[in-house]
Amino acid sequence: MEPRRHRGRLRARDARRFRHAGGVSGEQTPAGGAGQSRGRIPATLVQPGAVEFWLAVIVIGMGAGFGAAALTRLLELVQSLMWHGSGTDILAAAAAVGAWRHVLVLLGAGLVTVGGQLLIGRLTSGNNIDLTEAIWFRAGRVPKWRTFGSAVLSILIVGMGAALGREGAPKQTGGVIANAVSDRARLSDEERRFLVACGAGAGMAAAYGVPVGGALFALEVLRGVLALRLVLPALLASLIATAVSWIALPDAPTYHIAAYPTSASAVVWALVVGPVAGLVSVGFVRAIAWADRNKPKGRGRFVAPLLALGLLGIVSIPFPQVLGNGKDVSELAFTGQVALPLLLMLLVLRPAATVMCLGSGAPGGLFTPSLTVGALLGGALGRAWLLLWPGAPAGLFAVVGAGAVLAATTQGPISAVVLMWELTGEDRSFIVPLLLAVAGATLVARTIEPRSIYDARLTDAEVRERQRMREPPPR
């Protein structure tokens, strides 16, 4: 633990130096010489370096779109080959095969993880290459090949059934592309920092078909600031990436649900459940942080993936819903097709599987797993609520719960609301209960735990320094 604290102090010290030099945000760079102006994010085409910057935004968007499309197709190919079924529905495919395939495929995922760690090099696990750390404490600089290798490895094992998210790979790839383009264009550290966040958001936007949500995710969650001068380049990068990805991926919502009418029952339920979702989110974030701190070292890192993923394979025989990122079981919950006993069982098994996979050193994302925890929580509490106050559709509670936990675990309420709209293709049908639950969950989570799932791996010193960097400067 001492080396970890020492590294945290060094990164925090570097961040303070950068902040004191005026490099935290394009909004905070003082006007003056050309070097200072060059460090700002150009809001127009006549500012110094604007042409290079906006061309970089376009190239990053295109690269993130192609990368996300290729990685998504690779995921579908691996899933189809491993489970002898649909490349887009791992639940249906896994339910149709024999028990032996569950164990063999997940043991194979463990072997792939071990082999990938050896191939990538000195990495303890792919998740140690953290974009949040790079954006806040490394001016956006990420090790290109190691990060891309981690992205490909995560796609392979998620396609084989690891209980992690697929968004980590296109997010990392977009960040790598943005870093490389910033090098090529000789952009400033602040421009690089911002564009790496935009590239990561664009990769996510392209993978899920959520251009507005991806842009807001880049600003609110990754960059930690919502400023007018930053919105347009983030939107442009995500829009271009999404449009490019549509060449190979369908232009359709990720989750297909009906339009749910708002009712008094759902509104009151959202007021009650919001704080509960916040508490559950804090527990999930802290479990993720614990798993990361306690990853096996030395030879143990080559044994742990086999044990963890092998155990996941055994558990998946009676409960195939624990496999993959959770998208399939979330959609079933959104449409009210999961019974209460199974919701309660999966509410324990799904997050436990994600924490176990992450703690073993397997790389992967946390976006959809967090959303799935919220869908299961909302579905379970909603069905119980209907016994007291019937009248609302059961699936509505799962949708609202998913948005609340997503907002609280990412600490990005605005992006979470927009993402739920884009992911479901619905805009107003569940807006009132969703906003109420998101507000309550985020407020409770922020009050108790300053970390989100994307900076759960930061040290305490880094989290405090990041909080100071996000605060506006005194006037």
Protein backbone atom coordinates (compact mmCIF):
# COMPACT_ATOMS: atom_id res chain seq x y z
CA MET A 1 0.00 0.00 0.00
CA GLU A 2 2.91 2.38 0.67
CA PRO A 3 4.04 2.52 -2.99
CA ARG A 4 0.43 3.22 -4.00
CA ARG A 5 0.22 6.15 -1.57
CA HIS A 6 3.60 7.42 -2.76
CA ARG A 7 2.48 7.33 -6.40
CA GLY A 8 -0.71 9.13 -5.39
CA ARG A 9 1.28 11.91 -3.71
CA LEU A 10 3.48 12.30 -6.77
CA ARG A 11 0.50 12.49 -9.13
CA ALA A 12 -1.30 14.94 -6.85
CA ARG A 13 1.84 17.09 -6.69
CA ASP A 14 2.12 17.08 -10.49
CA ALA A 15 -1.55 18.03 -10.76
CA ARG A 16 -1.07 20.97 -8.37
CA ARG A 17 1.82 22.24 -10.45
CA PHE A 18 -0.28 22.00 -13.60
CA ARG A 19 -3.22 23.73 -11.91
CA HIS A 20 -1.08 26.54 -10.57
CA ALA A 21 0.32 27.04 -14.06
CA GLY A 22 -3.21 27.76 -15.28
CA GLY A 23 -3.81 24.52 -17.11
CA VAL A 24 -6.86 23.04 -15.44
CA SER A 25 -9.45 24.29 -17.84
CA GLY A 26 -9.59 26.29 -20.98
CA GLU A 27 -11.93 28.60 -19.07
CA GLN A 28 -9.24 29.36 -16.49
CA THR A 29 -6.20 30.10 -18.63
CA PRO A 30 -5.33 33.77 -18.26
CA ALA A 31 -5.20 35.92 -21.31
CA GLY A 32 -1.79 37.12 -22.32
CA GLY A 33 0.93 35.84 -24.57
CA ALA A 34 0.58 33.55 -27.52
CA GLY A 35 1.65 30.51 -25.52
CA GLN A 36 -1.14 31.10 -23.04
CA SER A 37 -3.75 31.63 -25.75
CA ARG A 38 -2.59 28.49 -27.54
CA GLY A 39 -3.39 26.48 -24.42
CA ARG A 40 -7.05 27.49 -24.44
CA ILE A 41 -9.73 25.42 -26.13
CA PRO A 42 -10.55 27.40 -29.32
CA ALA A 43 -14.20 28.43 -29.34
CA THR A 44 -14.03 30.01 -32.80
CA LEU A 45 -12.10 29.52 -36.03
CA VAL A 46 -10.05 32.71 -35.64
CA GLN A 47 -8.29 31.89 -32.38
CA PRO A 48 -4.66 30.71 -32.43
CA GLY A 49 -4.42 27.03 -33.35
CA ALA A 50 -8.14 26.75 -34.12
CA VAL A 51 -7.69 25.04 -37.51
CA GLU A 52 -5.45 22.31 -36.10
CA PHE A 53 -7.75 21.81 -33.12
CA TRP A 54 -10.99 21.46 -35.09
CA LEU A 55 -9.37 19.21 -37.67
CA ALA A 56 -8.20 17.05 -34.76
CA VAL A 57 -11.77 16.87 -33.45
CA ILE A 58 -12.99 15.61 -36.84
CA VAL A 59 -10.22 13.02 -37.16
CA ILE A 60 -10.77 11.82 -33.59
CA GLY A 61 -14.50 11.42 -34.21
CA MET A 62 -13.89 9.39 -37.35
CA GLY A 63 -11.26 7.22 -35.68
CA ALA A 64 -13.42 6.59 -32.62
CA GLY A 65 -16.36 5.64 -34.86
CA PHE A 66 -14.36 3.13 -36.90
CA GLY A 67 -12.74 1.74 -33.75
CA ALA A 68 -16.06 1.28 -31.95
CA ALA A 69 -17.64 -0.41 -34.97
CA ALA A 70 -14.71 -2.81 -35.37
CA LEU A 71 -14.63 -3.69 -31.66
CA THR A 72 -18.40 -4.23 -31.55
CA ARG A 73 -18.25 -6.59 -34.52
CA LEU A 74 -15.34 -8.43 -32.88
CA LEU A 75 -17.40 -8.83 -29.71
CA GLU A 76 -20.33 -10.23 -31.66
CA LEU A 77 -18.04 -12.64 -33.55
CA VAL A 78 -16.42 -13.95 -30.37
CA GLN A 79 -19.78 -14.32 -28.65
CA SER A 80 -21.28 -16.18 -31.60
CA LEU A 81 -18.31 -18.56 -31.90
CA MET A 82 -18.02 -19.29 -28.19
CA TRP A 83 -21.72 -19.78 -27.45
CA HIS A 84 -22.94 -21.14 -30.80
CA GLY A 85 -25.78 -18.64 -30.98
CA SER A 86 -26.60 -14.99 -31.41
CA GLY A 87 -23.74 -12.53 -31.33
CA THR A 88 -26.02 -9.93 -29.75
CA ASP A 89 -27.92 -11.98 -27.13
CA ILE A 90 -25.58 -13.91 -24.87
CA LEU A 91 -28.41 -14.82 -22.48
CA ALA A 92 -30.40 -16.72 -25.11
CA ALA A 93 -27.28 -18.37 -26.50
CA ALA A 94 -25.97 -19.48 -23.10
CA ALA A 95 -29.36 -20.82 -22.02
CA ALA A 96 -29.44 -23.09 -25.07
CA VAL A 97 -26.05 -24.84 -24.60
CA GLY A 98 -24.93 -27.56 -22.21
CA ALA A 99 -23.44 -27.02 -18.79
CA TRP A 100 -20.01 -28.15 -19.89
CA ARG A 101 -19.75 -25.28 -22.38
CA HIS A 102 -20.36 -22.73 -19.62
CA VAL A 103 -17.38 -23.98 -17.65
CA LEU A 104 -15.08 -24.51 -20.62
CA VAL A 105 -15.77 -21.12 -22.23
CA LEU A 106 -15.25 -19.22 -18.98
CA LEU A 107 -12.09 -21.17 -18.19
CA GLY A 108 -10.99 -20.24 -21.69
CA ALA A 109 -11.70 -16.60 -20.84
CA GLY A 110 -9.44 -16.99 -17.81
CA LEU A 111 -6.67 -18.39 -20.00
CA VAL A 112 -7.12 -15.54 -22.48
CA THR A 113 -6.85 -13.05 -19.62
CA VAL A 114 -3.63 -14.62 -18.37
CA GLY A 115 -2.17 -14.81 -21.87
CA GLY A 116 -3.22 -11.24 -22.58
CA GLN A 117 -1.50 -10.02 -19.41
CA LEU A 118 1.70 -11.75 -20.44
CA LEU A 119 1.49 -10.37 -23.96
CA ILE A 120 0.68 -6.81 -22.97
CA GLY A 121 3.73 -6.77 -20.75
CA ARG A 122 4.22 -5.43 -17.26
CA LEU A 123 0.53 -4.78 -16.68
CA THR A 124 -1.06 -6.21 -13.57
CA SER A 125 -4.32 -5.95 -15.50
CA GLY A 126 -5.67 -3.92 -18.38
CA ASN A 127 -7.85 -1.89 -16.01
CA ASN A 128 -4.73 -0.35 -14.45
CA ILE A 129 -4.51 1.77 -17.60
CA ASP A 130 -7.04 4.29 -16.41
CA LEU A 131 -8.27 7.11 -18.62
CA THR A 132 -9.49 9.09 -15.63
CA GLU A 133 -5.99 9.17 -14.18
CA ALA A 134 -4.53 10.08 -17.58
CA ILE A 135 -6.98 12.95 -18.09
CA TRP A 136 -6.59 14.46 -14.63
CA PHE A 137 -2.97 13.75 -13.76
CA ARG A 138 -1.14 13.00 -17.01
CA ALA A 139 -2.47 15.72 -19.34
CA GLY A 140 -4.28 12.99 -21.30
CA ARG A 141 -1.17 10.97 -22.12
CA VAL A 142 -1.88 7.25 -22.28
CA PRO A 143 0.44 4.39 -23.29
CA LYS A 144 -0.88 3.70 -26.78
CA TRP A 145 -0.20 0.03 -27.43
CA ARG A 146 -0.73 -1.11 -23.85
CA THR A 147 -4.07 0.67 -23.67
CA PHE A 148 -5.22 -0.64 -27.04
CA GLY A 149 -4.10 -4.15 -26.08
CA SER A 150 -6.19 -3.87 -22.92
CA ALA A 151 -9.18 -2.77 -25.00
CA VAL A 152 -8.96 -5.77 -27.33
CA LEU A 153 -8.44 -8.15 -24.40
CA SER A 154 -11.56 -6.83 -22.67
CA ILE A 155 -13.64 -7.33 -25.81
CA LEU A 156 -12.48 -10.94 -26.10
CA ILE A 157 -13.32 -11.93 -22.53
CA VAL A 158 -16.61 -10.00 -22.38
CA GLY A 159 -17.65 -11.82 -25.56
CA MET A 160 -16.78 -15.06 -23.76
CA GLY A 161 -18.99 -14.13 -20.82
CA ALA A 162 -16.99 -12.09 -18.28
CA ALA A 163 -19.43 -10.00 -16.22
CA LEU A 164 -17.96 -6.67 -17.28
CA GLY A 165 -18.96 -3.91 -19.67
CA ARG A 166 -18.04 -3.58 -23.32
CA GLU A 167 -17.87 0.23 -23.29
CA GLY A 168 -14.38 0.20 -21.77
CA ALA A 169 -12.81 -0.91 -25.06
CA PRO A 170 -14.23 1.75 -27.44
CA LYS A 171 -13.69 4.35 -24.69
CA GLN A 172 -10.03 3.40 -24.37
CA THR A 173 -9.61 3.23 -28.14
CA GLY A 174 -11.10 6.69 -28.60
CA GLY A 175 -8.75 8.02 -25.94
CA VAL A 176 -5.72 6.42 -27.59
CA ILE A 177 -6.68 7.89 -30.97
CA ALA A 178 -7.15 11.34 -29.43
CA ASN A 179 -3.76 11.12 -27.74
CA ALA A 180 -2.07 10.12 -31.01
CA VAL A 181 -3.79 12.88 -32.99
CA SER A 182 -2.81 15.44 -30.33
CA ASP A 183 0.80 14.32 -30.67
CA ARG A 184 0.65 14.63 -34.43
CA ALA A 185 -0.95 18.08 -34.34
CA ARG A 186 1.37 19.24 -31.52
CA LEU A 187 -1.53 20.42 -29.42
CA SER A 188 -1.14 21.84 -25.93
CA ASP A 189 -1.53 19.75 -22.80
CA GLU A 190 -4.93 21.25 -22.06
CA GLU A 191 -6.16 20.57 -25.60
CA ARG A 192 -4.87 17.00 -25.36
CA ARG A 193 -6.50 16.50 -21.96
CA PHE A 194 -9.83 17.69 -23.31
CA LEU A 195 -9.62 15.79 -26.60
CA VAL A 196 -8.78 12.50 -24.86
CA ALA A 197 -11.99 12.90 -22.87
CA CYS A 198 -13.85 13.74 -26.09
CA GLY A 199 -12.34 10.73 -27.85
CA ALA A 200 -13.38 8.42 -25.02
CA GLY A 201 -16.90 9.86 -25.03
CA ALA A 202 -17.04 9.55 -28.82
CA GLY A 203 -16.04 5.89 -28.63
CA MET A 204 -18.82 5.27 -26.16
CA ALA A 205 -21.28 7.27 -28.28
CA ALA A 206 -20.45 5.20 -31.34
CA ALA A 207 -20.69 1.87 -29.51
CA TYR A 208 -24.16 2.61 -28.13
CA GLY A 209 -25.52 5.07 -30.71
CA VAL A 210 -25.79 7.89 -28.15
CA PRO A 211 -24.16 11.03 -29.63
CA VAL A 212 -25.54 13.56 -27.14
CA GLY A 213 -25.12 11.29 -24.15
CA GLY A 214 -21.56 10.42 -25.18
CA ALA A 215 -20.62 14.10 -25.43
CA LEU A 216 -22.13 14.90 -22.04
CA PHE A 217 -20.43 11.84 -20.55
CA ALA A 218 -17.08 13.14 -21.79
CA LEU A 219 -17.66 16.56 -20.25
CA GLU A 220 -19.50 15.79 -17.03
CA VAL A 221 -18.01 12.45 -16.00
CA LEU A 222 -14.54 12.31 -17.59
CA ARG A 223 -13.54 15.97 -17.82
CA GLY A 224 -15.58 17.12 -14.85
CA VAL A 225 -16.73 20.44 -16.29
CA LEU A 226 -19.74 21.64 -18.28
CA ALA A 227 -18.67 24.84 -20.05
CA LEU A 228 -20.21 26.34 -23.18
CA ARG A 229 -16.92 26.55 -25.07
CA LEU A 230 -16.36 22.81 -24.52
CA VAL A 231 -19.77 21.55 -25.59
CA LEU A 232 -19.46 22.02 -29.35
CA PRO A 233 -16.22 20.04 -29.92
CA ALA A 234 -17.46 17.25 -27.66
CA LEU A 235 -20.75 17.10 -29.55
CA LEU A 236 -19.02 17.19 -32.93
CA ALA A 237 -16.65 14.36 -32.05
CA SER A 238 -19.47 12.17 -30.71
CA LEU A 239 -21.77 12.97 -33.63
CA ILE A 240 -19.11 12.11 -36.21
CA ALA A 241 -18.18 8.90 -34.36
CA THR A 242 -21.81 7.80 -34.14
CA ALA A 243 -22.48 8.57 -37.82
CA VAL A 244 -19.36 6.64 -38.87
CA SER A 245 -20.31 3.65 -36.71
CA TRP A 246 -23.71 3.47 -38.40
CA ILE A 247 -21.92 2.24 -41.51
CA ALA A 248 -21.48 -1.10 -39.73
CA LEU A 249 -23.82 -0.92 -36.72
CA PRO A 250 -27.60 -0.52 -36.66
CA ASP A 251 -29.14 2.91 -36.05
CA ALA A 252 -31.53 1.69 -33.36
CA PRO A 253 -32.01 2.02 -29.60
CA THR A 254 -30.05 -0.39 -27.44
CA TYR A 255 -33.15 -1.22 -25.39
CA HIS A 256 -36.56 -1.65 -26.96
CA ILE A 257 -39.30 -0.68 -24.52
CA ALA A 258 -42.82 0.69 -24.69
CA ALA A 259 -43.72 4.27 -23.81
CA TYR A 260 -44.52 4.16 -20.11
CA PRO A 261 -47.08 6.70 -18.86
CA THR A 262 -46.20 8.60 -15.71
CA SER A 263 -48.45 7.97 -12.73
CA ALA A 264 -48.71 9.29 -9.19
CA SER A 265 -47.59 5.90 -7.94
CA ALA A 266 -44.36 6.04 -9.97
CA VAL A 267 -43.63 9.64 -8.90
CA VAL A 268 -43.99 8.88 -5.19
CA TRP A 269 -41.96 5.69 -5.62
CA ALA A 270 -39.14 7.66 -7.28
CA LEU A 271 -38.97 10.05 -4.34
CA VAL A 272 -38.62 7.11 -1.96
CA VAL A 273 -36.26 4.98 -4.00
CA GLY A 274 -33.83 7.72 -5.12
CA PRO A 275 -31.93 7.80 -1.80
CA VAL A 276 -31.98 3.99 -1.65
CA ALA A 277 -30.41 3.84 -5.12
CA GLY A 278 -27.78 6.31 -3.90
CA LEU A 279 -26.87 4.07 -0.97
CA VAL A 280 -26.67 0.99 -3.20
CA SER A 281 -24.48 2.93 -5.63
CA VAL A 282 -22.08 3.91 -2.85
CA GLY A 283 -21.78 0.26 -1.88
CA PHE A 284 -21.11 -0.76 -5.47
CA VAL A 285 -18.48 1.94 -6.00
CA ARG A 286 -16.71 1.01 -2.78
CA ALA A 287 -16.79 -2.66 -3.74
CA ILE A 288 -15.16 -1.77 -7.06
CA ALA A 289 -12.50 0.26 -5.25
CA TRP A 290 -11.89 -2.62 -2.83
CA ALA A 291 -11.56 -5.11 -5.68
CA ASP A 292 -9.03 -2.90 -7.43
CA ARG A 293 -6.95 -2.38 -4.29
CA ASN A 294 -6.87 -6.09 -3.57
CA LYS A 295 -5.99 -7.48 -6.97
CA PRO A 296 -3.61 -10.43 -6.75
CA LYS A 297 0.10 -9.78 -7.13
CA GLY A 298 2.94 -11.88 -8.44
CA ARG A 299 2.02 -15.37 -9.53
CA GLY A 300 -1.46 -14.95 -8.10
CA ARG A 301 -2.43 -12.71 -10.99
CA PHE A 302 -2.08 -15.69 -13.33
CA VAL A 303 -4.21 -17.97 -11.14
CA ALA A 304 -6.98 -15.58 -10.06
CA PRO A 305 -8.58 -15.11 -13.52
CA LEU A 306 -8.87 -18.89 -13.94
CA LEU A 307 -10.48 -19.32 -10.53
CA ALA A 308 -12.82 -16.32 -10.80
CA LEU A 309 -13.99 -16.92 -14.35
CA GLY A 310 -14.22 -20.67 -13.79
CA LEU A 311 -16.48 -20.02 -10.78
CA LEU A 312 -18.53 -17.63 -12.90
CA GLY A 313 -18.98 -20.41 -15.44
CA ILE A 314 -20.32 -22.74 -12.76
CA VAL A 315 -22.73 -20.11 -11.40
CA SER A 316 -23.92 -19.33 -14.91
CA ILE A 317 -25.26 -22.86 -15.40
CA PRO A 318 -28.39 -22.20 -13.30
CA PHE A 319 -28.14 -18.41 -13.75
CA PRO A 320 -27.01 -17.53 -17.31
CA GLN A 321 -28.11 -13.95 -16.56
CA VAL A 322 -24.75 -13.33 -14.82
CA LEU A 323 -22.85 -13.63 -18.11
CA GLY A 324 -21.74 -10.66 -20.19
CA ASN A 325 -22.33 -7.00 -19.52
CA GLY A 326 -25.96 -7.42 -18.40
CA LYS A 327 -27.64 -5.82 -21.41
CA ASP A 328 -29.99 -8.75 -22.04
CA VAL A 329 -31.26 -9.08 -18.47
CA SER A 330 -31.67 -5.29 -18.26
CA GLU A 331 -33.94 -5.30 -21.28
CA LEU A 332 -36.02 -8.10 -19.76
CA ALA A 333 -36.34 -6.06 -16.57
CA PHE A 334 -37.27 -2.95 -18.57
CA THR A 335 -40.16 -4.86 -20.12
CA GLY A 336 -41.31 -6.45 -16.85
CA GLN A 337 -40.35 -10.00 -17.80
CA VAL A 338 -38.29 -10.92 -14.71
CA ALA A 339 -40.07 -12.36 -11.67
CA LEU A 340 -39.40 -10.92 -8.22
CA PRO A 341 -37.49 -13.96 -6.82
CA LEU A 342 -35.10 -13.90 -9.79
CA LEU A 343 -34.70 -10.12 -9.53
CA LEU A 344 -33.65 -10.49 -5.90
CA MET A 345 -31.25 -13.32 -6.66
CA LEU A 346 -29.62 -11.46 -9.55
CA LEU A 347 -29.40 -8.28 -7.47
CA VAL A 348 -26.84 -10.18 -5.40
CA LEU A 349 -25.20 -12.31 -8.11
CA ARG A 350 -24.70 -9.69 -10.84
CA PRO A 351 -22.70 -7.10 -8.87
CA ALA A 352 -20.82 -9.89 -7.07
CA ALA A 353 -19.82 -11.36 -10.44
CA THR A 354 -18.63 -7.97 -11.70
CA VAL A 355 -16.57 -7.31 -8.58
CA MET A 356 -15.11 -10.83 -8.73
CA CYS A 357 -14.10 -10.49 -12.39
CA LEU A 358 -12.58 -7.06 -11.85
CA GLY A 359 -10.78 -8.18 -8.71
CA SER A 360 -9.22 -11.11 -10.55
CA GLY A 361 -7.51 -8.72 -12.95
CA ALA A 362 -9.88 -9.14 -15.91
CA PRO A 363 -10.20 -5.87 -17.88
CA GLY A 364 -13.58 -4.45 -18.82
CA GLY A 365 -16.03 -1.58 -18.45
CA LEU A 366 -18.50 -0.75 -15.70
CA PHE A 367 -21.18 1.27 -17.49
CA THR A 368 -23.71 -1.45 -18.38
CA PRO A 369 -23.01 -3.50 -15.23
CA SER A 370 -23.92 -0.41 -13.17
CA LEU A 371 -27.03 0.17 -15.26
CA THR A 372 -28.00 -3.48 -14.77
CA VAL A 373 -27.65 -3.23 -10.99
CA GLY A 374 -30.05 -0.28 -11.12
CA ALA A 375 -32.50 -2.13 -13.36
CA LEU A 376 -32.56 -5.10 -10.98
CA LEU A 377 -32.89 -2.85 -7.92
CA GLY A 378 -35.67 -0.79 -9.48
CA GLY A 379 -37.47 -3.86 -10.74
CA ALA A 380 -37.37 -5.58 -7.35
CA LEU A 381 -38.43 -2.53 -5.33
CA GLY A 382 -41.02 -1.65 -7.94
CA ARG A 383 -42.73 -5.03 -7.77
CA ALA A 384 -42.86 -4.74 -4.00
CA TRP A 385 -44.31 -1.24 -4.36
CA LEU A 386 -47.03 -2.47 -6.68
CA LEU A 387 -48.37 -4.59 -3.83
CA LEU A 388 -49.01 -1.36 -1.91
CA TRP A 389 -49.97 0.95 -4.78
CA PRO A 390 -50.79 -0.85 -8.03
CA GLY A 391 -51.34 0.81 -11.35
CA ALA A 392 -47.90 1.46 -12.84
CA PRO A 393 -46.17 -0.94 -15.29
CA ALA A 394 -43.47 -3.05 -13.63
CA GLY A 395 -40.91 -2.24 -16.32
CA LEU A 396 -41.07 1.48 -15.58
CA PHE A 397 -39.53 0.96 -12.15
CA ALA A 398 -36.58 -0.89 -13.67
CA VAL A 399 -35.95 1.93 -16.16
CA VAL A 400 -36.04 4.58 -13.44
CA GLY A 401 -33.86 2.49 -11.13
CA ALA A 402 -31.31 1.99 -13.90
CA GLY A 403 -31.07 5.73 -14.52
CA ALA A 404 -30.78 6.49 -10.79
CA VAL A 405 -27.94 4.04 -10.13
CA LEU A 406 -26.18 5.02 -13.35
CA ALA A 407 -26.27 8.68 -12.32
CA ALA A 408 -25.08 7.97 -8.79
CA THR A 409 -22.27 5.58 -9.73
CA THR A 410 -20.93 7.88 -12.46
CA GLN A 411 -21.84 11.05 -10.52
CA GLY A 412 -23.09 12.42 -13.83
CA PRO A 413 -26.83 13.11 -13.45
CA ILE A 414 -27.24 15.12 -16.65
CA SER A 415 -25.43 12.64 -18.86
CA ALA A 416 -27.25 9.72 -17.19
CA VAL A 417 -30.70 11.17 -17.95
CA VAL A 418 -29.79 11.87 -21.59
CA LEU A 419 -28.19 8.44 -21.94
CA MET A 420 -31.36 6.74 -20.71
CA TRP A 421 -33.37 8.69 -23.29
CA GLU A 422 -31.05 7.72 -26.12
CA LEU A 423 -30.53 4.11 -25.04
CA THR A 424 -34.28 3.47 -24.89
CA GLY A 425 -35.40 5.74 -27.72
CA GLU A 426 -37.92 7.38 -25.37
CA ASP A 427 -37.83 11.07 -24.50
CA ARG A 428 -40.68 12.10 -22.21
CA SER A 429 -42.64 9.07 -21.08
CA PHE A 430 -40.67 8.49 -17.86
CA ILE A 431 -39.06 11.91 -17.43
CA VAL A 432 -40.63 12.98 -14.10
CA PRO A 433 -39.89 9.86 -12.01
CA LEU A 434 -36.49 9.51 -13.68
CA LEU A 435 -35.41 13.06 -12.78
CA LEU A 436 -36.66 12.69 -9.22
CA ALA A 437 -34.86 9.39 -8.68
CA VAL A 438 -31.66 10.63 -10.34
CA ALA A 439 -31.57 13.76 -8.19
CA GLY A 440 -32.13 11.86 -4.95
CA ALA A 441 -29.63 9.10 -5.78
CA THR A 442 -26.87 11.46 -6.91
CA LEU A 443 -27.26 13.77 -3.91
CA VAL A 444 -27.02 10.91 -1.43
CA ALA A 445 -24.08 9.28 -3.25
CA ARG A 446 -22.11 12.55 -3.47
CA THR A 447 -22.74 13.25 0.20
CA ILE A 448 -21.28 9.91 1.28
CA GLU A 449 -18.70 9.02 -1.38
CA PRO A 450 -16.77 11.47 -3.61
CA ARG A 451 -15.67 8.73 -5.99
CA SER A 452 -17.48 7.45 -9.06
CA ILE A 453 -16.93 4.05 -10.67
CA TYR A 454 -14.52 5.74 -13.08
CA ASP A 455 -12.24 7.14 -10.39
CA ALA A 456 -12.72 4.42 -7.77
CA ARG A 457 -9.14 3.41 -8.56
CA LEU A 458 -7.68 6.78 -7.58
CA THR A 459 -5.96 7.19 -4.22
CA ASP A 460 -7.56 9.35 -1.54
CA ALA A 461 -5.01 12.09 -2.21
CA GLU A 462 -5.80 12.04 -5.92
CA VAL A 463 -9.53 12.23 -5.28
CA ARG A 464 -9.06 15.27 -3.01
CA GLU A 465 -6.82 16.94 -5.57
CA ARG A 466 -9.28 16.25 -8.37
CA GLN A 467 -12.06 17.78 -6.30
CA ARG A 468 -9.97 20.93 -5.81
CA MET A 469 -9.19 21.06 -9.53
CA ARG A 470 -12.89 20.91 -10.39
CA GLU A 471 -13.76 23.84 -8.14
CA PRO A 472 -13.90 27.25 -9.87
CA PRO A 473 -10.98 29.53 -9.00
CA PRO A 474 -11.61 32.31 -6.44
CA ARG A 475 -12.39 35.70 -7.92
